[in-house]
Amino acid sequence: MNRRDFLSRIFGFLIFLISGKLIWDFISFSLKKRQKLSIPMAQVSTKPSVIDGVIVWRENDTYWVYSSHCTHLGCILKYDREAGIFKCPCHGSEFTINGTVIHGPARKNLKRLDYIVKNGKIEVNL
C-alpha cells in the first residue's frame, strides 16, 4: 500500500466517524422528550422572580414565563428589584421584565416559554 492509498483510507475513515457522530447527535436530539417544569401557583407573585431556571410572575389571570438564561452566553439572570430589570452577572446585559434587551452584549430578547395551568400548577415547556 502506498502513501496516497493509506492517507485516502485514513481520511475516509475520519469522514465516516464524523458523519456517524453528527447523525447520532441529530437522532438523539430529535428523540429527546421535552422537559417540563411544574411550579405551584402559590409560588408565583405579582413581582418577577427566578424560580427553577425560569422567570415567572402574574398579572391578574395572566402568567408571564421567560427563560432566565441570558441570550448572550447563557448565564442565569438576577432580578434588580430597585431598577425593575433583569441583569446578567457575567457580562452586564440587561433586560426588561418582558424580556426585551435594554443593554448588551446580548442582542436577542429573552425566550418566552409556553405553559399551561393545570391542577393548581403552572407546567412550563422548557
C-alpha atoms as a PDB file:
ATOM      1  CA  MET A   1       0.000   0.000   0.000  1.00  0.00           C
ATOM      2  CA  ASN A   2       1.457   3.334  -0.982  1.00  0.00           C
ATOM      3  CA  ARG A   3       1.267   6.550   0.964  1.00  0.00           C
ATOM      4  CA  ARG A   4      -1.579   8.028  -1.112  1.00  0.00           C
ATOM      5  CA  ASP A   5      -3.827   4.975  -0.561  1.00  0.00           C
ATOM      6  CA  PHE A   6      -3.035   4.944   3.146  1.00  0.00           C
ATOM      7  CA  LEU A   7      -3.924   8.642   3.564  1.00  0.00           C
ATOM      8  CA  SER A   8      -7.097   8.203   1.487  1.00  0.00           C
ATOM      9  CA  ARG A   9      -8.234   5.371   3.745  1.00  0.00           C
ATOM     10  CA  ILE A  10      -7.458   7.346   6.913  1.00  0.00           C
ATOM     11  CA  PHE A  11      -9.295  10.394   5.535  1.00  0.00           C
ATOM     12  CA  GLY A  12     -12.293   8.265   4.511  1.00  0.00           C
ATOM     13  CA  PHE A  13     -12.420   6.647   7.941  1.00  0.00           C
ATOM     14  CA  LEU A  14     -12.342  10.073   9.653  1.00  0.00           C
ATOM     15  CA  ILE A  15     -15.176  11.317   7.422  1.00  0.00           C
ATOM     16  CA  PHE A  16     -17.133   8.161   8.314  1.00  0.00           C
ATOM     17  CA  LEU A  17     -16.638   8.754  12.066  1.00  0.00           C
ATOM     18  CA  ILE A  18     -17.572  12.428  11.899  1.00  0.00           C
ATOM     19  CA  SER A  19     -20.669  11.710   9.797  1.00  0.00           C
ATOM     20  CA  GLY A  20     -21.760   8.992  12.197  1.00  0.00           C
ATOM     21  CA  LYS A  21     -21.352  11.311  15.181  1.00  0.00           C
ATOM     22  CA  LEU A  22     -23.379  14.063  13.508  1.00  0.00           C
ATOM     23  CA  ILE A  23     -26.151  11.649  12.564  1.00  0.00           C
ATOM     24  CA  TRP A  24     -26.199  10.185  16.105  1.00  0.00           C
ATOM     25  CA  ASP A  25     -26.428  13.680  17.658  1.00  0.00           C
ATOM     26  CA  PHE A  26     -29.289  14.625  15.339  1.00  0.00           C
ATOM     27  CA  ILE A  27     -31.254  11.442  16.067  1.00  0.00           C
ATOM     28  CA  SER A  28     -30.746  11.604  19.837  1.00  0.00           C
ATOM     29  CA  PHE A  29     -31.747  15.290  19.899  1.00  0.00           C
ATOM     30  CA  SER A  30     -34.872  14.562  17.852  1.00  0.00           C
ATOM     31  CA  LEU A  31     -35.949  11.724  20.120  1.00  0.00           C
ATOM     32  CA  LYS A  32     -35.383  13.612  23.378  1.00  0.00           C
ATOM     33  CA  LYS A  33     -38.544  14.284  25.339  1.00  0.00           C
ATOM     34  CA  ARG A  34     -39.251  17.917  26.004  1.00  0.00           C
ATOM     35  CA  GLN A  35     -38.664  18.677  29.630  1.00  0.00           C
ATOM     36  CA  LYS A  36     -41.425  20.162  31.713  1.00  0.00           C
ATOM     37  CA  LEU A  37     -41.208  22.172  34.884  1.00  0.00           C
ATOM     38  CA  SER A  38     -44.086  22.294  37.342  1.00  0.00           C
ATOM     39  CA  ILE A  39     -44.382  25.430  39.514  1.00  0.00           C
ATOM     40  CA  PRO A  40     -47.070  25.673  42.207  1.00  0.00           C
ATOM     41  CA  MET A  41     -49.221  28.746  41.552  1.00  0.00           C
ATOM     42  CA  ALA A  42     -48.766  29.769  45.194  1.00  0.00           C
ATOM     43  CA  GLN A  43     -45.059  30.469  44.464  1.00  0.00           C
ATOM     44  CA  VAL A  44     -45.854  32.906  41.661  1.00  0.00           C
ATOM     45  CA  SER A  45     -46.255  36.501  42.786  1.00  0.00           C
ATOM     46  CA  THR A  46     -47.033  39.775  41.055  1.00  0.00           C
ATOM     47  CA  LYS A  47     -43.316  40.626  41.100  1.00  0.00           C
ATOM     48  CA  PRO A  48     -40.977  38.871  38.658  1.00  0.00           C
ATOM     49  CA  SER A  49     -38.743  36.234  40.190  1.00  0.00           C
ATOM     50  CA  VAL A  50     -36.482  33.419  39.057  1.00  0.00           C
ATOM     51  CA  ILE A  51     -37.892  30.014  40.022  1.00  0.00           C
ATOM     52  CA  ASP A  52     -36.080  26.841  38.972  1.00  0.00           C
ATOM     53  CA  GLY A  53     -34.412  28.481  35.985  1.00  0.00           C
ATOM     54  CA  VAL A  54     -37.400  30.416  34.644  1.00  0.00           C
ATOM     55  CA  ILE A  55     -38.597  33.972  35.150  1.00  0.00           C
ATOM     56  CA  VAL A  56     -42.231  33.977  36.165  1.00  0.00           C
ATOM     57  CA  TRP A  57     -44.843  36.399  37.518  1.00  0.00           C
ATOM     58  CA  ARG A  58     -48.543  37.032  37.195  1.00  0.00           C
ATOM     59  CA  GLU A  59     -50.810  39.935  36.338  1.00  0.00           C
ATOM     60  CA  ASN A  60     -54.407  39.138  37.280  1.00  0.00           C
ATOM     61  CA  ASP A  61     -55.087  35.841  35.452  1.00  0.00           C
ATOM     62  CA  THR A  62     -52.173  36.149  33.030  1.00  0.00           C
ATOM     63  CA  TYR A  63     -48.825  34.492  33.701  1.00  0.00           C
ATOM     64  CA  TRP A  64     -45.553  35.625  32.157  1.00  0.00           C
ATOM     65  CA  VAL A  65     -42.908  32.955  31.764  1.00  0.00           C
ATOM     66  CA  TYR A  66     -39.463  33.529  30.239  1.00  0.00           C
ATOM     67  CA  SER A  67     -36.163  31.687  30.190  1.00  0.00           C
ATOM     68  CA  SER A  68     -33.805  33.021  32.844  1.00  0.00           C
ATOM     69  CA  HIS A  69     -30.766  32.336  30.672  1.00  0.00           C
ATOM     70  CA  CYS A  70     -29.064  35.366  29.146  1.00  0.00           C
ATOM     71  CA  THR A  71     -29.214  35.213  25.366  1.00  0.00           C
ATOM     72  CA  HIS A  72     -25.551  36.258  25.157  1.00  0.00           C
ATOM     73  CA  LEU A  73     -23.804  33.257  26.734  1.00  0.00           C
ATOM     74  CA  GLY A  74     -26.447  31.578  28.894  1.00  0.00           C
ATOM     75  CA  CYS A  75     -25.687  32.912  32.377  1.00  0.00           C
ATOM     76  CA  ILE A  76     -28.576  32.909  34.860  1.00  0.00           C
ATOM     77  CA  LEU A  77     -30.077  36.380  35.205  1.00  0.00           C
ATOM     78  CA  LYS A  78     -30.623  38.168  38.513  1.00  0.00           C
ATOM     79  CA  TYR A  79     -33.597  40.449  39.172  1.00  0.00           C
ATOM     80  CA  ASP A  80     -32.772  44.001  40.298  1.00  0.00           C
ATOM     81  CA  ARG A  81     -35.875  44.996  42.274  1.00  0.00           C
ATOM     82  CA  GLU A  82     -34.863  48.658  42.550  1.00  0.00           C
ATOM     83  CA  ALA A  83     -34.417  49.117  38.815  1.00  0.00           C
ATOM     84  CA  GLY A  84     -37.145  46.609  37.879  1.00  0.00           C
ATOM     85  CA  ILE A  85     -34.905  44.835  35.337  1.00  0.00           C
ATOM     86  CA  PHE A  86     -33.010  41.587  34.933  1.00  0.00           C
ATOM     87  CA  LYS A  87     -29.223  41.801  34.835  1.00  0.00           C
ATOM     88  CA  CYS A  88     -26.666  39.292  33.670  1.00  0.00           C
ATOM     89  CA  PRO A  89     -23.970  38.899  36.332  1.00  0.00           C
ATOM     90  CA  CYS A  90     -21.447  37.611  33.774  1.00  0.00           C
ATOM     91  CA  HIS A  91     -21.264  40.325  31.101  1.00  0.00           C
ATOM     92  CA  GLY A  92     -23.732  43.045  32.097  1.00  0.00           C
ATOM     93  CA  SER A  93     -26.619  42.532  29.679  1.00  0.00           C
ATOM     94  CA  GLU A  94     -29.911  43.989  30.897  1.00  0.00           C
ATOM     95  CA  PHE A  95     -33.497  43.009  30.090  1.00  0.00           C
ATOM     96  CA  THR A  96     -36.923  44.452  30.899  1.00  0.00           C
ATOM     97  CA  ILE A  97     -39.367  42.266  32.803  1.00  0.00           C
ATOM     98  CA  ASN A  98     -40.942  41.491  29.420  1.00  0.00           C
ATOM     99  CA  GLY A  99     -37.654  40.061  28.141  1.00  0.00           C
ATOM    100  CA  THR A 100     -36.616  42.925  25.859  1.00  0.00           C
ATOM    101  CA  VAL A 101     -32.884  43.703  25.664  1.00  0.00           C
ATOM    102  CA  ILE A 102     -32.052  47.100  27.158  1.00  0.00           C
ATOM    103  CA  HIS A 103     -28.274  46.873  27.177  1.00  0.00           C
ATOM    104  CA  GLY A 104     -25.895  44.383  25.511  1.00  0.00           C
ATOM    105  CA  PRO A 105     -23.740  42.489  24.757  1.00  0.00           C
ATOM    106  CA  ALA A 106     -26.883  40.326  24.358  1.00  0.00           C
ATOM    107  CA  ARG A 107     -28.677  41.058  21.086  1.00  0.00           C
ATOM    108  CA  LYS A 108     -31.708  38.768  21.341  1.00  0.00           C
ATOM    109  CA  ASN A 109     -34.666  39.169  23.673  1.00  0.00           C
ATOM    110  CA  LEU A 110     -35.347  36.517  26.288  1.00  0.00           C
ATOM    111  CA  LYS A 111     -37.176  33.433  25.084  1.00  0.00           C
ATOM    112  CA  ARG A 112     -40.837  33.354  26.123  1.00  0.00           C
ATOM    113  CA  LEU A 113     -41.805  29.879  27.284  1.00  0.00           C
ATOM    114  CA  ASP A 114     -45.054  28.020  26.634  1.00  0.00           C
ATOM    115  CA  TYR A 115     -47.035  26.933  29.672  1.00  0.00           C
ATOM    116  CA  ILE A 116     -50.389  25.587  30.772  1.00  0.00           C
ATOM    117  CA  VAL A 117     -52.193  25.995  34.090  1.00  0.00           C
ATOM    118  CA  LYS A 118     -53.228  22.610  35.413  1.00  0.00           C
ATOM    119  CA  ASN A 119     -54.202  21.336  38.870  1.00  0.00           C
ATOM    120  CA  GLY A 120     -53.014  24.447  40.694  1.00  0.00           C
ATOM    121  CA  LYS A 121     -49.637  24.402  38.961  1.00  0.00           C
ATOM    122  CA  ILE A 122     -48.026  26.084  36.010  1.00  0.00           C
ATOM    123  CA  GLU A 123     -46.478  23.480  33.715  1.00  0.00           C
ATOM    124  CA  VAL A 124     -43.723  25.057  31.658  1.00  0.00           C
ATOM    125  CA  ASN A 125     -42.252  23.516  28.500  1.00  0.00           C
ATOM    126  CA  LEU A 126     -38.500  24.002  28.665  1.00  0.00           C
END
